[in-house]
Protein backbone atom coordinates (compact mmCIF):
# COMPACT_ATOMS: atom_id res chain seq x y z
CA UNK A 1 -21.67 14.45 9.25
CA UNK A 2 -21.29 13.95 5.52
CA UNK A 3 -22.90 10.80 4.16
CA UNK A 4 -20.58 8.48 2.27
CA UNK A 5 -22.64 7.94 -0.85
CA UNK A 6 -21.42 5.76 -3.69
CA UNK A 7 -20.10 8.78 -5.60
CA UNK A 8 -18.56 10.51 -2.57
CA UNK A 9 -14.90 11.43 -3.21
CA UNK A 10 -13.88 10.35 0.31
CA UNK A 11 -14.75 6.76 -0.60
CA UNK A 12 -11.91 6.75 -3.12
CA UNK A 13 -9.39 7.00 -0.29
CA UNK A 14 -11.19 4.43 1.82
CA UNK A 15 -11.33 2.02 -1.11
CA UNK A 16 -7.60 2.40 -1.82
CA UNK A 17 -6.63 1.82 1.81
CA UNK A 18 -9.14 -0.95 2.47
CA UNK A 19 -7.22 -3.60 0.53
CA UNK A 20 -4.91 -5.56 2.82
CA UNK A 21 -1.62 -4.90 1.03
CA UNK A 22 -2.11 -1.53 -0.71
CA UNK A 23 -1.00 0.68 2.18
CA UNK A 24 1.89 -1.66 3.05
CA UNK A 25 3.26 -1.57 -0.50
CA UNK A 26 2.77 2.20 -0.77
CA UNK A 27 4.65 2.65 2.51
CA UNK A 28 7.51 0.41 1.35
CA UNK A 29 7.81 2.32 -1.94
CA UNK A 30 7.96 5.58 0.02
CA UNK A 31 11.69 5.00 0.47
CA UNK A 32 12.25 4.94 -3.28
CA UNK A 33 12.06 2.57 -6.27
CA UNK A 34 12.23 -1.12 -5.48
CA UNK A 35 12.53 -4.39 -7.34
CA UNK A 36 9.77 -6.91 -6.58
CA UNK A 37 12.13 -9.28 -4.77
CA UNK A 38 13.41 -6.47 -2.58
CA UNK A 39 9.83 -5.42 -1.80
CA UNK A 40 8.91 -8.97 -0.77
CA UNK A 41 11.93 -9.20 1.50
CA UNK A 42 11.23 -5.81 3.08
CA UNK A 43 7.50 -6.39 3.56
CA UNK A 44 7.60 -10.04 4.61
CA UNK A 45 4.60 -12.35 4.62
CA UNK A 46 3.46 -11.51 1.09
CA UNK A 47 3.61 -14.02 -1.73
CA UNK A 48 5.02 -13.15 -5.13
CA UNK A 49 1.54 -13.58 -6.64
CA UNK A 50 -0.16 -11.25 -4.16
CA UNK A 51 2.62 -8.66 -4.49
CA UNK A 52 2.28 -8.73 -8.29
CA UNK A 53 -1.50 -8.34 -8.03
CA UNK A 54 -1.10 -5.43 -5.60
CA UNK A 55 1.51 -3.67 -7.74
CA UNK A 56 -0.70 -4.05 -10.84
CA UNK A 57 -3.72 -2.73 -8.96
CA UNK A 58 -1.76 0.28 -7.67
CA UNK A 59 -0.35 0.85 -11.16
CA UNK A 60 -3.91 0.78 -12.52
CA UNK A 61 -4.89 3.38 -9.91
CA UNK A 62 -2.05 5.61 -11.16
CA UNK A 63 -0.27 5.43 -7.80
CA UNK A 64 2.69 3.27 -8.87
CA UNK A 65 4.73 3.15 -12.04
CA UNK A 66 6.63 0.21 -13.47
CA UNK A 67 10.02 0.69 -15.08
CA UNK A 68 11.42 -2.20 -17.15
CA UNK A 69 15.11 -2.12 -18.05
CA UNK A 70 16.41 -3.77 -21.21
CA UNK A 71 19.13 -5.77 -19.50
CA UNK A 72 20.10 -9.40 -19.28
CA UNK A 73 18.60 -10.65 -17.09
CA UNK A 74 15.62 -8.29 -17.33
CA UNK A 75 15.15 -5.92 -14.42
CA UNK A 76 11.92 -4.27 -13.27
CA UNK A 77 11.48 -1.59 -10.62
CA UNK A 78 8.38 -0.03 -9.14
CA UNK A 79 8.13 3.51 -7.81
CA UNK A 80 5.44 5.83 -6.54
CA UNK A 81 4.02 8.30 -9.00
CA UNK A 82 3.53 11.92 -7.98
CA UNK A 83 -0.06 11.02 -7.11
CA UNK A 84 1.10 7.99 -5.12
CA UNK A 85 3.48 10.17 -3.09
CA UNK A 86 0.49 12.26 -1.99
CA UNK A 87 -0.79 9.21 -0.08
CA UNK A 88 2.40 8.74 1.94
CA UNK A 89 1.43 11.10 4.76
CA UNK A 90 -2.02 9.53 5.32
CA UNK A 91 -0.48 6.04 5.21
CA UNK A 92 2.28 7.06 7.61
CA UNK A 93 -0.30 8.71 9.90
CA UNK A 94 -2.22 5.44 10.02
CA UNK A 95 1.01 3.64 10.85
CA UNK A 96 1.73 6.07 13.69
CA UNK A 97 -1.79 5.51 15.01
CA UNK A 98 -1.21 1.74 14.96
CA UNK A 99 2.06 2.08 16.88
CA UNK A 100 0.47 4.36 19.45
CA UNK A 101 -2.83 2.52 19.87
CA UNK A 102 -2.12 -1.01 18.61
CA UNK A 103 -1.94 -2.63 22.05
CA UNK A 104 -5.20 -1.01 23.16
CA UNK A 105 -6.85 -2.00 19.88
CA UNK A 106 -5.83 -5.64 20.29
CA UNK A 107 -6.88 -5.64 23.96
CA UNK A 108 -10.30 -4.26 23.02
CA UNK A 109 -11.04 -7.10 20.62
CA UNK A 110 -13.77 -9.44 21.76
CA UNK A 111 -12.77 -12.82 20.32
CA UNK A 112 -14.82 -14.92 22.74
CA UNK A 113 -18.10 -14.67 20.81
């Protein structure tokens, strides 16, 4: 088995997916560009502040792009970059795993300690 050293490329993927909201936002943007308010409504349970932080982090990673429109009132949309779209299948695979094994995963938790 390959060791996951600090400079191991596989750790990049683990780091991206380890943040609570990254995969959720990437999945939501997989359907196309979205305005922040629409993303919040679709995702549910995420504050405007946390969504903004997540979008900025993903933009910094080069996975999401921000498009500002010169309109009144101003309009902003976020979309996946080409690189961001390459993560959709792994994120969706993780989602399929959760649907298939979620009940067993929850049942296996030992919360009595």
